[in-house]
């Protein structure tokens, strides 16, 4: 384990796996290396970043909490996207060789005081990574979502074959022209995708880089967004609700019931 928050972040190691976490960049994972193969697209916008206290787009930055109407800053055209913590510095609560616990307080422009936590844990054998997010209130209850936006490399190194995505969702959310679910569920369609899918038994998506590595993304969360419309990377995003979910599938965070969601990534080298 190495700590260097300003330049290299927190580096966790187990077996053939190494993970780098950047507290100064929204607690994103800037690197996930397995047997010398880098799985995450590089660059400050990429890696795997936290989405909280909402995921994806919130329509026109608008949501309600009971009778109270709120407006969030618009940063994706006419919408507010991916929460407020992905570009803020986080604080490190605890670190050891294989795990790191971090937190970030919720402040303006989010209208309610609270905290987002992330626990990053490598398995002892280096064969999996577990990420756990929590959203807590420091006062009034509020609706919230949490999830991850990993950018996986389409190819692992020069000459590698493109990744193959395999999953069996129960439905696909129809996407409107504004990129938000219309509320209509339909039979899943073949890609390319920039779409949200329902998996009521839990997220279970396999990514295979032929003759190199296989990785499975699992979560008890029931929603996943899959994006594969750029040549460099693909995204598989487990999240606690669909895009615009603050309005359509609100999950209330109270002092007695924080929001918690986790994902486990398991891999094996070919």
Protein backbone atom coordinates (compact mmCIF):
# COMPACT_ATOMS: atom_id res chain seq x y z
CA UNK A 1 0.00 0.00 0.00
CA UNK A 2 1.27 3.44 -1.00
CA UNK A 3 -0.31 6.81 -0.22
CA UNK A 4 0.41 9.87 -2.35
CA UNK A 5 -2.84 11.80 -2.65
CA UNK A 6 -1.53 14.53 -4.92
CA UNK A 7 0.29 12.51 -7.58
CA UNK A 8 -0.38 8.78 -7.51
CA UNK A 9 -3.23 8.33 -5.07
CA UNK A 10 -3.74 5.31 -2.83
CA UNK A 11 -2.37 2.09 -4.29
CA UNK A 12 -3.78 -1.24 -3.08
CA UNK A 13 -2.27 -4.61 -3.99
CA UNK A 14 -3.20 -8.28 -3.66
CA UNK A 15 -2.02 -11.20 -5.76
CA UNK A 16 -1.71 -10.06 -9.38
CA UNK A 17 -4.08 -7.12 -8.86
CA UNK A 18 -3.31 -3.47 -8.20
CA UNK A 19 -5.87 -0.68 -7.72
CA UNK A 20 -5.22 3.06 -7.54
CA UNK A 21 -7.75 5.33 -5.82
CA UNK A 22 -7.59 9.13 -6.19
CA UNK A 23 -9.11 10.94 -3.17
CA UNK A 24 -8.23 14.25 -4.82
CA UNK A 25 -10.31 13.34 -7.89
CA UNK A 26 -13.65 12.28 -6.48
CA UNK A 27 -12.38 8.97 -5.02
CA UNK A 28 -12.34 7.56 -8.54
CA UNK A 29 -10.41 4.42 -9.40
CA UNK A 30 -7.76 5.70 -11.80
CA UNK A 31 -6.28 2.25 -12.45
CA UNK A 32 -7.19 -1.42 -12.14
CA UNK A 33 -4.31 -3.60 -13.30
CA UNK A 34 -4.62 -7.40 -13.41
CA UNK A 35 -1.48 -9.35 -14.27
CA UNK A 36 -0.05 -6.24 -15.90
CA UNK A 37 -3.19 -5.59 -17.99
CA UNK A 38 -4.80 -2.16 -17.42
CA UNK A 39 -8.59 -2.58 -17.45
CA UNK A 40 -9.67 1.05 -17.07
CA UNK A 41 -9.49 3.81 -19.65
CA UNK A 42 -6.91 6.36 -18.55
CA UNK A 43 -7.50 10.09 -18.05
CA UNK A 44 -8.97 12.30 -15.34
CA UNK A 45 -12.51 11.97 -16.75
CA UNK A 46 -12.33 8.19 -16.89
CA UNK A 47 -11.26 5.31 -14.69
CA UNK A 48 -14.26 4.47 -12.52
CA UNK A 49 -16.00 7.36 -10.78
CA UNK A 50 -18.70 7.61 -8.13
CA UNK A 51 -22.19 8.81 -9.01
CA UNK A 52 -24.01 10.28 -5.99
CA UNK A 53 -26.40 11.53 -4.74
CA UNK A 54 -27.94 10.75 -8.12
CA UNK A 55 -26.98 8.67 -11.16
CA UNK A 56 -27.07 9.66 -14.81
CA UNK A 57 -29.25 12.57 -15.85
CA UNK A 58 -31.86 14.32 -13.73
CA UNK A 59 -34.40 15.91 -16.04
CA UNK A 60 -33.82 19.67 -16.31
CA UNK A 61 -32.04 19.52 -12.94
CA UNK A 62 -35.41 19.33 -11.20
CA UNK A 63 -36.55 17.08 -8.37
CA UNK A 64 -39.01 17.26 -5.49
CA UNK A 65 -38.71 16.15 -1.88
CA UNK A 66 -42.27 15.97 -0.69
CA UNK A 67 -43.73 19.45 -1.24
CA UNK A 68 -40.32 21.10 -1.72
CA UNK A 69 -39.11 21.81 -5.25
CA UNK A 70 -35.35 21.83 -6.01
CA UNK A 71 -33.25 22.89 -9.00
CA UNK A 72 -29.74 21.55 -9.61
CA UNK A 73 -27.15 23.18 -11.88
CA UNK A 74 -27.40 22.00 -15.49
CA UNK A 75 -24.15 20.43 -16.72
CA UNK A 76 -25.33 18.04 -19.45
CA UNK A 77 -27.28 20.18 -21.88
CA UNK A 78 -30.67 20.72 -20.29
CA UNK A 79 -30.03 18.17 -17.52
CA UNK A 80 -27.95 17.69 -14.35
CA UNK A 81 -25.71 14.64 -14.55
CA UNK A 82 -23.88 12.12 -12.31
CA UNK A 83 -24.22 13.81 -8.92
CA UNK A 84 -22.02 16.31 -7.10
CA UNK A 85 -19.09 14.34 -5.65
CA UNK A 86 -17.17 13.02 -8.66
CA UNK A 87 -15.03 16.16 -9.05
CA UNK A 88 -14.67 17.06 -5.39
CA UNK A 89 -11.77 16.06 -3.12
CA UNK A 90 -12.58 13.27 -0.68
CA UNK A 91 -11.02 12.55 2.71
CA UNK A 92 -9.36 9.26 3.56
CA UNK A 93 -10.66 7.61 6.74
CA UNK A 94 -8.62 4.41 6.76
CA UNK A 95 -6.16 2.55 4.53
CA UNK A 96 -4.35 -0.79 4.68
CA UNK A 97 -2.65 -3.01 2.11
CA UNK A 98 -5.89 -4.13 0.44
CA UNK A 99 -8.57 -1.58 1.35
CA UNK A 100 -9.36 2.10 1.62
CA UNK A 101 -12.29 3.92 3.22
CA UNK A 102 -13.08 7.44 2.01
CA UNK A 103 -15.81 10.04 2.48
CA UNK A 104 -17.10 13.31 1.06
CA UNK A 105 -19.59 15.65 2.70
CA UNK A 106 -22.64 16.73 0.72
CA UNK A 107 -22.68 20.51 0.28
CA UNK A 108 -24.14 23.02 -2.19
CA UNK A 109 -25.43 22.66 -4.84
CA UNK A 110 -26.99 19.59 -3.19
CA UNK A 111 -29.66 21.12 -0.93
CA UNK A 112 -29.36 18.70 2.03
CA UNK A 113 -26.40 18.13 4.39
CA UNK A 114 -25.08 14.60 4.44
CA UNK A 115 -22.17 12.37 3.51
CA UNK A 116 -21.14 9.90 0.80
CA UNK A 117 -18.77 7.08 1.75
CA UNK A 118 -16.89 4.59 -0.38
CA UNK A 119 -15.11 1.42 0.75
CA UNK A 120 -12.69 -0.15 -1.76
CA UNK A 121 -11.63 -3.73 -0.94
CA UNK A 122 -9.38 -6.11 -2.84
CA UNK A 123 -9.87 -9.79 -2.03
CA UNK A 124 -6.95 -11.44 -0.25
CA UNK A 125 -6.17 -13.59 -3.30
CA UNK A 126 -6.37 -10.61 -5.67
CA UNK A 127 -9.22 -12.24 -7.59
CA UNK A 128 -11.94 -9.67 -7.01
CA UNK A 129 -12.72 -6.09 -5.99
CA UNK A 130 -15.68 -5.01 -3.86
CA UNK A 131 -16.89 -1.40 -3.87
CA UNK A 132 -19.47 -0.19 -1.35
CA UNK A 133 -21.15 3.21 -1.38
CA UNK A 134 -23.20 4.80 1.36
CA UNK A 135 -25.31 7.97 1.35
CA UNK A 136 -26.21 9.39 4.77
CA UNK A 137 -28.19 12.42 5.89
CA UNK A 138 -27.04 14.87 8.53
CA UNK A 139 -30.55 16.17 9.08
CA UNK A 140 -33.65 16.06 6.90
CA UNK A 141 -34.47 13.03 4.79
CA UNK A 142 -34.01 13.29 1.03
CA UNK A 143 -34.24 11.13 -2.12
CA UNK A 144 -30.93 9.82 -3.43
CA UNK A 145 -29.19 7.37 -5.72
CA UNK A 146 -25.67 5.95 -5.85
CA UNK A 147 -23.63 3.94 -8.33
CA UNK A 148 -20.44 3.68 -10.35
CA UNK A 149 -19.41 4.72 -13.85
CA UNK A 150 -16.46 2.53 -14.86
CA UNK A 151 -14.82 3.03 -18.26
CA UNK A 152 -13.41 -0.37 -19.23
CA UNK A 153 -10.86 -0.53 -22.02
CA UNK A 154 -12.30 -1.92 -25.23
CA UNK A 155 -8.95 -3.59 -25.91
CA UNK A 156 -6.34 -4.66 -23.39
CA UNK A 157 -3.05 -3.59 -24.92
CA UNK A 158 -1.91 -3.50 -28.52
CA UNK A 159 -3.19 -6.38 -30.59
CA UNK A 160 -5.87 -7.32 -28.08
CA UNK A 161 -9.29 -8.28 -29.42
CA UNK A 162 -12.28 -6.08 -28.50
CA UNK A 163 -14.26 -6.85 -25.38
CA UNK A 164 -17.47 -8.86 -25.63
CA UNK A 165 -20.41 -8.03 -23.34
CA UNK A 166 -22.82 -10.74 -22.18
CA UNK A 167 -25.85 -10.17 -19.95
CA UNK A 168 -29.55 -11.10 -19.77
CA UNK A 169 -31.67 -8.21 -18.50
CA UNK A 170 -35.38 -8.67 -17.95
CA UNK A 171 -36.18 -5.41 -19.70
CA UNK A 172 -34.71 -2.33 -21.35
CA UNK A 173 -35.89 1.15 -20.51
CA UNK A 174 -37.09 2.92 -23.65
CA UNK A 175 -34.83 5.93 -24.18
CA UNK A 176 -36.38 9.19 -25.30
CA UNK A 177 -34.79 11.83 -27.50
CA UNK A 178 -33.63 13.58 -24.32
CA UNK A 179 -31.64 10.42 -23.38
CA UNK A 180 -33.91 9.73 -20.40
CA UNK A 181 -36.22 6.75 -19.87
CA UNK A 182 -39.73 7.39 -21.12
CA UNK A 183 -41.27 5.10 -18.49
CA UNK A 184 -41.95 2.38 -21.05
CA UNK A 185 -40.21 -0.99 -20.61
CA UNK A 186 -39.42 -3.06 -23.68
CA UNK A 187 -37.69 -6.24 -24.72
CA UNK A 188 -33.89 -5.81 -24.65
CA UNK A 189 -32.45 -4.89 -28.03
CA UNK A 190 -28.97 -5.58 -29.41
CA UNK A 191 -26.36 -2.81 -29.14
CA UNK A 192 -24.79 -0.43 -29.59
CA UNK A 193 -26.21 0.90 -26.32
CA UNK A 194 -26.49 4.01 -24.24
CA UNK A 195 -29.31 2.47 -22.27
CA UNK A 196 -30.60 1.45 -18.86
CA UNK A 197 -31.62 -2.15 -18.17
CA UNK A 198 -33.57 -3.80 -15.38
CA UNK A 199 -32.14 -6.87 -13.67
CA UNK A 200 -34.49 -7.56 -10.72
CA UNK A 201 -32.40 -10.50 -9.49
CA UNK A 202 -29.31 -8.26 -9.37
CA UNK A 203 -26.81 -6.94 -11.88
CA UNK A 204 -24.76 -9.68 -13.54
CA UNK A 205 -22.74 -8.63 -16.60
CA UNK A 206 -19.76 -10.50 -18.07
CA UNK A 207 -17.03 -8.77 -20.05
CA UNK A 208 -14.65 -11.01 -21.98
CA UNK A 209 -11.43 -9.95 -23.66
CA UNK A 210 -10.79 -13.10 -25.75
CA UNK A 211 -7.66 -15.04 -24.81
CA UNK A 212 -6.79 -12.43 -22.17
CA UNK A 213 -9.22 -11.91 -19.30
CA UNK A 214 -12.82 -12.34 -18.19
CA UNK A 215 -14.47 -9.98 -15.69
CA UNK A 216 -17.95 -10.20 -14.15
CA UNK A 217 -19.69 -7.17 -12.68
CA UNK A 218 -22.26 -8.14 -10.04
CA UNK A 219 -24.44 -6.16 -7.66
CA UNK A 220 -27.62 -6.61 -5.65
CA UNK A 221 -28.73 -3.36 -7.28
CA UNK A 222 -31.39 -3.93 -9.92
CA UNK A 223 -30.34 -1.36 -12.51
CA UNK A 224 -27.41 -1.13 -14.89
CA UNK A 225 -26.56 1.34 -17.65
CA UNK A 226 -24.47 -0.02 -20.53
CA UNK A 227 -22.67 2.36 -22.88
CA UNK A 228 -20.54 1.17 -25.81
CA UNK A 229 -20.75 3.96 -28.38
CA UNK A 230 -17.11 5.09 -28.38
CA UNK A 231 -14.23 3.12 -29.90
CA UNK A 232 -11.93 3.30 -26.87
CA UNK A 233 -14.06 1.93 -24.03
CA UNK A 234 -17.29 0.42 -22.74
CA UNK A 235 -19.17 1.31 -19.56
CA UNK A 236 -21.12 -1.05 -17.29
CA UNK A 237 -22.70 1.04 -14.53
CA UNK A 238 -24.42 -0.67 -11.56
CA UNK A 239 -26.67 1.82 -9.81
CA UNK A 240 -29.46 1.96 -7.27
CA UNK A 241 -31.98 3.43 -9.69
CA UNK A 242 -32.44 4.44 -13.33
CA UNK A 243 -31.55 7.81 -14.86
CA UNK A 244 -33.92 10.52 -13.59
CA UNK A 245 -34.59 8.21 -10.67
CA UNK A 246 -34.81 11.06 -8.15
CA UNK A 247 -38.17 11.70 -9.80
CA UNK A 248 -39.32 8.27 -10.98
CA UNK A 249 -37.89 5.81 -8.40
CA UNK A 250 -36.99 7.91 -5.34
CA UNK A 251 -35.19 6.10 -2.50
CA UNK A 252 -35.56 8.13 0.68
CA UNK A 253 -32.46 8.49 2.85
CA UNK A 254 -33.32 8.98 6.52
CA UNK A 255 -31.29 9.11 9.72
CA UNK A 256 -32.35 5.52 10.44
CA UNK A 257 -32.06 4.22 6.86
CA UNK A 258 -29.04 5.36 4.84
CA UNK A 259 -28.69 4.24 1.24
CA UNK A 260 -26.10 1.51 0.71
CA UNK A 261 -25.16 -0.23 -2.53
CA UNK A 262 -22.24 -2.45 -3.42
CA UNK A 263 -20.72 -4.08 -6.49
CA UNK A 264 -18.26 -6.94 -6.81
CA UNK A 265 -15.98 -7.33 -9.81
CA UNK A 266 -14.50 -10.80 -10.22
CA UNK A 267 -11.90 -11.76 -12.82
CA UNK A 268 -9.78 -14.55 -14.15
CA UNK A 269 -6.89 -14.43 -16.57
CA UNK A 270 -7.10 -16.62 -19.66
